Each structure stands twice: as C-alpha cells, then as structure tokens.
Amino acid sequence: MGNSENNNKELTVEQIREIAAQLRNPTGEKGIEMGHIMNEANVAMIDHTFETLQPVSGESILEIGHGNAHHLNGSRHKLYRTGYFRNHASGS
C-alpha cells in the first residue's frame, strides 16, 4: 500500500486486490496503515463539514462511517462530549 517509491507506476492487479481487501475489512499492520491513509484523504472534508454545521451545545451530530475515528483527536474531541455520535464498521 505505501507506494511512495512507486508513485508514477500503475498498480498491479494484486495490489488493487490487496487495497480492496483492506478497505472491505482492515486487518493487521496494513489495516492500520489503510486507516491512516483514509484519515489523511478525508480530513479536509470532515473539517469542512464541522465548519459548515457549526454545532452548538445541545445539538447532536451522527456520523455513519467506515474509518478509524482518528479525526476525533485534538480539538474535535470536545464535539464527542457535546453530542457527536459515531457508528462505523471498521474493526481497526
């Protein structure tokens, strides 16, 4: 998955299958790596959503997702305590 040294080459069918398998059911070190990759890819969208919604005390946000919930770290963690609920399918 960490294909930084191979950025300009096409993925093989086996690499695509490995990525698909990890997206479907993340496991082991590769699953953890996939969670970090997904978080990096989605963090701007998640930040924009929070900025757009501008939740206030007493309001709730329900996120139904498939990631590792890493975006709840840091300043966003306070949203969890004020009504941010998450339902996700990932075991990683």
N, C-alpha and C. Protein backbone atom coordinates (compact mmCIF):
# COMPACT_ATOMS: atom_id res chain seq x y z
N MET A 1 0.82 -1.19 0.00
CA MET A 1 0.00 0.00 0.00
C MET A 1 0.86 1.24 0.00
N GLY A 2 1.78 1.37 0.93
CA GLY A 2 2.63 2.55 0.97
C GLY A 2 3.47 2.60 -0.29
N ASN A 3 2.95 3.20 -1.32
CA ASN A 3 3.52 3.10 -2.65
C ASN A 3 4.29 4.36 -3.02
N SER A 4 4.88 5.06 -2.05
CA SER A 4 5.52 6.34 -2.34
C SER A 4 6.68 6.21 -3.31
N GLU A 5 7.42 5.10 -3.25
CA GLU A 5 8.53 4.94 -4.16
C GLU A 5 8.06 4.52 -5.55
N ASN A 6 6.78 4.22 -5.69
CA ASN A 6 6.23 3.70 -6.93
C ASN A 6 5.09 4.58 -7.43
N ASN A 7 5.13 5.89 -7.13
CA ASN A 7 4.02 6.80 -7.43
C ASN A 7 3.71 6.94 -8.90
N ASN A 8 4.68 6.80 -9.78
CA ASN A 8 4.45 7.04 -11.20
C ASN A 8 4.13 5.77 -11.97
N LYS A 9 4.01 4.65 -11.31
CA LYS A 9 3.71 3.38 -11.97
C LYS A 9 2.28 2.97 -11.66
N GLU A 10 1.69 2.23 -12.58
CA GLU A 10 0.35 1.71 -12.36
C GLU A 10 0.40 0.59 -11.33
N LEU A 11 -0.70 0.44 -10.59
CA LEU A 11 -0.79 -0.64 -9.63
C LEU A 11 -1.04 -1.95 -10.35
N THR A 12 -0.52 -3.02 -9.78
CA THR A 12 -0.80 -4.34 -10.33
C THR A 12 -2.18 -4.79 -9.87
N VAL A 13 -2.70 -5.80 -10.53
CA VAL A 13 -3.99 -6.35 -10.14
C VAL A 13 -3.93 -6.85 -8.70
N GLU A 14 -2.83 -7.47 -8.32
CA GLU A 14 -2.68 -7.97 -6.95
C GLU A 14 -2.68 -6.82 -5.94
N GLN A 15 -2.02 -5.71 -6.24
CA GLN A 15 -2.02 -4.55 -5.35
C GLN A 15 -3.42 -3.97 -5.21
N ILE A 16 -4.16 -3.91 -6.30
CA ILE A 16 -5.53 -3.40 -6.26
C ILE A 16 -6.40 -4.32 -5.40
N ARG A 17 -6.22 -5.62 -5.54
CA ARG A 17 -6.98 -6.58 -4.73
C ARG A 17 -6.64 -6.43 -3.25
N GLU A 18 -5.37 -6.22 -2.95
CA GLU A 18 -4.94 -6.04 -1.55
C GLU A 18 -5.58 -4.79 -0.95
N ILE A 19 -5.58 -3.70 -1.70
CA ILE A 19 -6.20 -2.46 -1.23
C ILE A 19 -7.70 -2.66 -1.03
N ALA A 20 -8.36 -3.30 -1.98
CA ALA A 20 -9.80 -3.56 -1.87
C ALA A 20 -10.10 -4.41 -0.64
N ALA A 21 -9.28 -5.42 -0.39
CA ALA A 21 -9.49 -6.28 0.77
C ALA A 21 -9.35 -5.49 2.07
N GLN A 22 -8.38 -4.59 2.14
CA GLN A 22 -8.19 -3.78 3.34
C GLN A 22 -9.30 -2.76 3.51
N LEU A 23 -9.82 -2.22 2.43
CA LEU A 23 -10.95 -1.29 2.53
C LEU A 23 -12.20 -2.03 3.00
N ARG A 24 -12.35 -3.26 2.56
CA ARG A 24 -13.51 -4.08 2.92
C ARG A 24 -13.45 -4.53 4.37
N ASN A 25 -12.25 -4.94 4.81
CA ASN A 25 -12.10 -5.48 6.16
C ASN A 25 -10.66 -5.27 6.61
N PRO A 26 -10.35 -4.09 7.16
CA PRO A 26 -8.97 -3.79 7.55
C PRO A 26 -8.46 -4.75 8.62
N THR A 27 -7.25 -5.29 8.41
CA THR A 27 -6.64 -6.19 9.39
C THR A 27 -5.14 -5.94 9.48
N GLY A 28 -4.59 -6.20 10.64
CA GLY A 28 -3.14 -6.15 10.85
C GLY A 28 -2.54 -4.78 10.58
N GLU A 29 -1.23 -4.81 10.34
CA GLU A 29 -0.49 -3.56 10.09
C GLU A 29 -0.99 -2.85 8.84
N LYS A 30 -1.32 -3.61 7.80
CA LYS A 30 -1.83 -3.00 6.56
C LYS A 30 -3.16 -2.31 6.82
N GLY A 31 -3.99 -2.89 7.69
CA GLY A 31 -5.27 -2.27 8.04
C GLY A 31 -5.08 -0.96 8.79
N ILE A 32 -4.12 -0.93 9.68
CA ILE A 32 -3.80 0.30 10.41
C ILE A 32 -3.29 1.35 9.44
N GLU A 33 -2.41 0.94 8.52
CA GLU A 33 -1.89 1.86 7.51
C GLU A 33 -3.03 2.41 6.65
N MET A 34 -3.97 1.54 6.25
CA MET A 34 -5.10 1.98 5.44
C MET A 34 -5.95 2.99 6.20
N GLY A 35 -6.14 2.77 7.49
CA GLY A 35 -6.89 3.73 8.30
C GLY A 35 -6.24 5.10 8.30
N HIS A 36 -4.92 5.14 8.41
CA HIS A 36 -4.21 6.42 8.38
C HIS A 36 -4.33 7.08 7.00
N ILE A 37 -4.22 6.29 5.95
CA ILE A 37 -4.35 6.83 4.59
C ILE A 37 -5.74 7.41 4.39
N MET A 38 -6.76 6.68 4.84
CA MET A 38 -8.14 7.16 4.69
C MET A 38 -8.36 8.44 5.49
N ASN A 39 -7.80 8.49 6.69
CA ASN A 39 -7.94 9.69 7.51
C ASN A 39 -7.32 10.89 6.81
N GLU A 40 -6.11 10.73 6.28
CA GLU A 40 -5.45 11.83 5.57
C GLU A 40 -6.26 12.28 4.36
N ALA A 41 -6.86 11.32 3.67
CA ALA A 41 -7.64 11.65 2.48
C ALA A 41 -8.95 12.36 2.82
N ASN A 42 -9.50 12.09 4.00
CA ASN A 42 -10.83 12.61 4.34
C ASN A 42 -10.83 13.79 5.31
N VAL A 43 -9.70 14.12 5.91
CA VAL A 43 -9.69 15.12 6.98
C VAL A 43 -10.18 16.49 6.51
N ALA A 44 -9.85 16.91 5.31
CA ALA A 44 -10.32 18.22 4.83
C ALA A 44 -11.84 18.24 4.69
N MET A 45 -12.41 17.16 4.18
CA MET A 45 -13.86 17.07 4.04
C MET A 45 -14.54 17.08 5.42
N ILE A 46 -13.97 16.36 6.36
CA ILE A 46 -14.54 16.31 7.71
C ILE A 46 -14.45 17.68 8.37
N ASP A 47 -13.30 18.34 8.25
CA ASP A 47 -13.15 19.69 8.81
C ASP A 47 -14.17 20.65 8.20
N HIS A 48 -14.33 20.59 6.90
CA HIS A 48 -15.28 21.47 6.22
C HIS A 48 -16.71 21.21 6.70
N THR A 49 -17.04 19.95 6.90
CA THR A 49 -18.38 19.61 7.40
C THR A 49 -18.62 20.21 8.77
N PHE A 50 -17.65 20.08 9.70
CA PHE A 50 -17.80 20.66 11.03
C PHE A 50 -17.93 22.18 10.95
N GLU A 51 -17.13 22.81 10.11
CA GLU A 51 -17.18 24.26 9.95
C GLU A 51 -18.53 24.70 9.39
N THR A 52 -19.06 23.94 8.45
CA THR A 52 -20.35 24.27 7.84
C THR A 52 -21.49 24.08 8.84
N LEU A 53 -21.48 22.98 9.58
CA LEU A 53 -22.56 22.70 10.54
C LEU A 53 -22.52 23.63 11.74
N GLN A 54 -21.33 24.01 12.17
CA GLN A 54 -21.14 24.86 13.35
C GLN A 54 -22.04 24.43 14.52
N PRO A 55 -21.84 23.21 15.02
CA PRO A 55 -22.70 22.73 16.10
C PRO A 55 -22.51 23.53 17.38
N VAL A 56 -23.58 23.68 18.11
CA VAL A 56 -23.55 24.38 19.39
C VAL A 56 -23.95 23.40 20.48
N SER A 57 -23.72 23.77 21.70
CA SER A 57 -24.03 22.91 22.83
C SER A 57 -25.49 22.48 22.78
N GLY A 58 -25.72 21.20 22.99
CA GLY A 58 -27.07 20.66 22.96
C GLY A 58 -27.46 20.04 21.63
N GLU A 59 -26.73 20.34 20.57
CA GLU A 59 -27.01 19.73 19.27
C GLU A 59 -26.23 18.43 19.16
N SER A 60 -26.69 17.56 18.29
CA SER A 60 -26.02 16.27 18.08
C SER A 60 -25.65 16.11 16.62
N ILE A 61 -24.54 15.39 16.40
CA ILE A 61 -24.10 15.02 15.06
C ILE A 61 -23.96 13.51 15.06
N LEU A 62 -24.55 12.85 14.08
CA LEU A 62 -24.38 11.41 13.90
C LEU A 62 -23.57 11.20 12.64
N GLU A 63 -22.43 10.56 12.80
CA GLU A 63 -21.61 10.20 11.66
C GLU A 63 -21.68 8.70 11.47
N ILE A 64 -22.04 8.30 10.29
CA ILE A 64 -22.02 6.88 9.94
C ILE A 64 -20.88 6.72 8.96
N GLY A 65 -19.84 6.06 9.39
CA GLY A 65 -18.65 5.98 8.56
C GLY A 65 -17.95 4.65 8.68
N HIS A 66 -16.83 4.56 8.02
CA HIS A 66 -16.08 3.31 7.99
C HIS A 66 -14.62 3.49 8.40
N GLY A 67 -14.27 4.61 8.94
CA GLY A 67 -12.88 4.89 9.24
C GLY A 67 -12.49 4.54 10.67
N ASN A 68 -11.37 5.08 11.11
CA ASN A 68 -10.80 4.74 12.40
C ASN A 68 -11.11 5.76 13.50
N ALA A 69 -11.92 6.77 13.21
CA ALA A 69 -12.32 7.82 14.16
C ALA A 69 -11.13 8.65 14.64
N HIS A 70 -10.01 8.61 13.93
CA HIS A 70 -8.83 9.38 14.31
C HIS A 70 -9.12 10.89 14.31
N HIS A 71 -10.08 11.32 13.51
CA HIS A 71 -10.39 12.74 13.42
C HIS A 71 -11.03 13.27 14.70
N LEU A 72 -11.34 12.42 15.68
CA LEU A 72 -11.87 12.89 16.95
C LEU A 72 -10.77 13.33 17.91
N ASN A 73 -9.52 13.14 17.54
CA ASN A 73 -8.40 13.58 18.38
C ASN A 73 -8.29 15.10 18.37
N GLY A 74 -7.63 15.62 19.36
CA GLY A 74 -7.35 17.05 19.39
C GLY A 74 -8.58 17.90 19.65
N SER A 75 -8.68 19.01 18.95
CA SER A 75 -9.73 19.99 19.22
C SER A 75 -11.12 19.45 18.93
N ARG A 76 -11.25 18.49 18.03
CA ARG A 76 -12.57 17.95 17.71
C ARG A 76 -13.10 17.04 18.80
N HIS A 77 -12.23 16.57 19.68
CA HIS A 77 -12.65 15.63 20.71
C HIS A 77 -13.76 16.22 21.58
N LYS A 78 -13.77 17.53 21.78
CA LYS A 78 -14.82 18.16 22.59
C LYS A 78 -16.19 17.97 21.96
N LEU A 79 -16.27 17.80 20.63
CA LEU A 79 -17.56 17.57 19.99
C LEU A 79 -18.16 16.26 20.46
N TYR A 80 -17.33 15.27 20.71
CA TYR A 80 -17.82 13.98 21.17
C TYR A 80 -18.55 14.14 22.49
N ARG A 81 -18.03 14.98 23.35
CA ARG A 81 -18.65 15.19 24.65
C ARG A 81 -19.91 16.04 24.57
N THR A 82 -20.11 16.74 23.46
CA THR A 82 -21.29 17.61 23.36
C THR A 82 -22.33 17.06 22.38
N GLY A 83 -22.23 15.79 22.03
CA GLY A 83 -23.26 15.18 21.22
C GLY A 83 -22.81 14.74 19.84
N TYR A 84 -21.57 14.28 19.71
CA TYR A 84 -21.09 13.75 18.44
C TYR A 84 -21.12 12.23 18.57
N PHE A 85 -21.93 11.59 17.77
CA PHE A 85 -22.07 10.15 17.85
C PHE A 85 -21.55 9.53 16.58
N ARG A 86 -20.89 8.41 16.69
CA ARG A 86 -20.27 7.78 15.54
C ARG A 86 -20.65 6.32 15.48
N ASN A 87 -21.03 5.88 14.31
CA ASN A 87 -21.29 4.47 14.07
C ASN A 87 -20.41 4.08 12.89
N HIS A 88 -19.50 3.15 13.09
CA HIS A 88 -18.62 2.77 12.00
C HIS A 88 -18.44 1.26 11.98
N ALA A 89 -18.06 0.77 10.82
CA ALA A 89 -17.97 -0.67 10.63
C ALA A 89 -16.56 -1.21 10.76
N SER A 90 -15.58 -0.36 10.88
CA SER A 90 -14.19 -0.82 10.90
C SER A 90 -13.83 -1.42 12.24
N GLY A 91 -13.09 -2.50 12.19
CA GLY A 91 -12.58 -3.10 13.42
C GLY A 91 -11.21 -2.59 13.77
N SER A 92 -10.60 -1.72 12.94
CA SER A 92 -9.24 -1.23 13.20
C SER A 92 -9.29 0.01 14.04
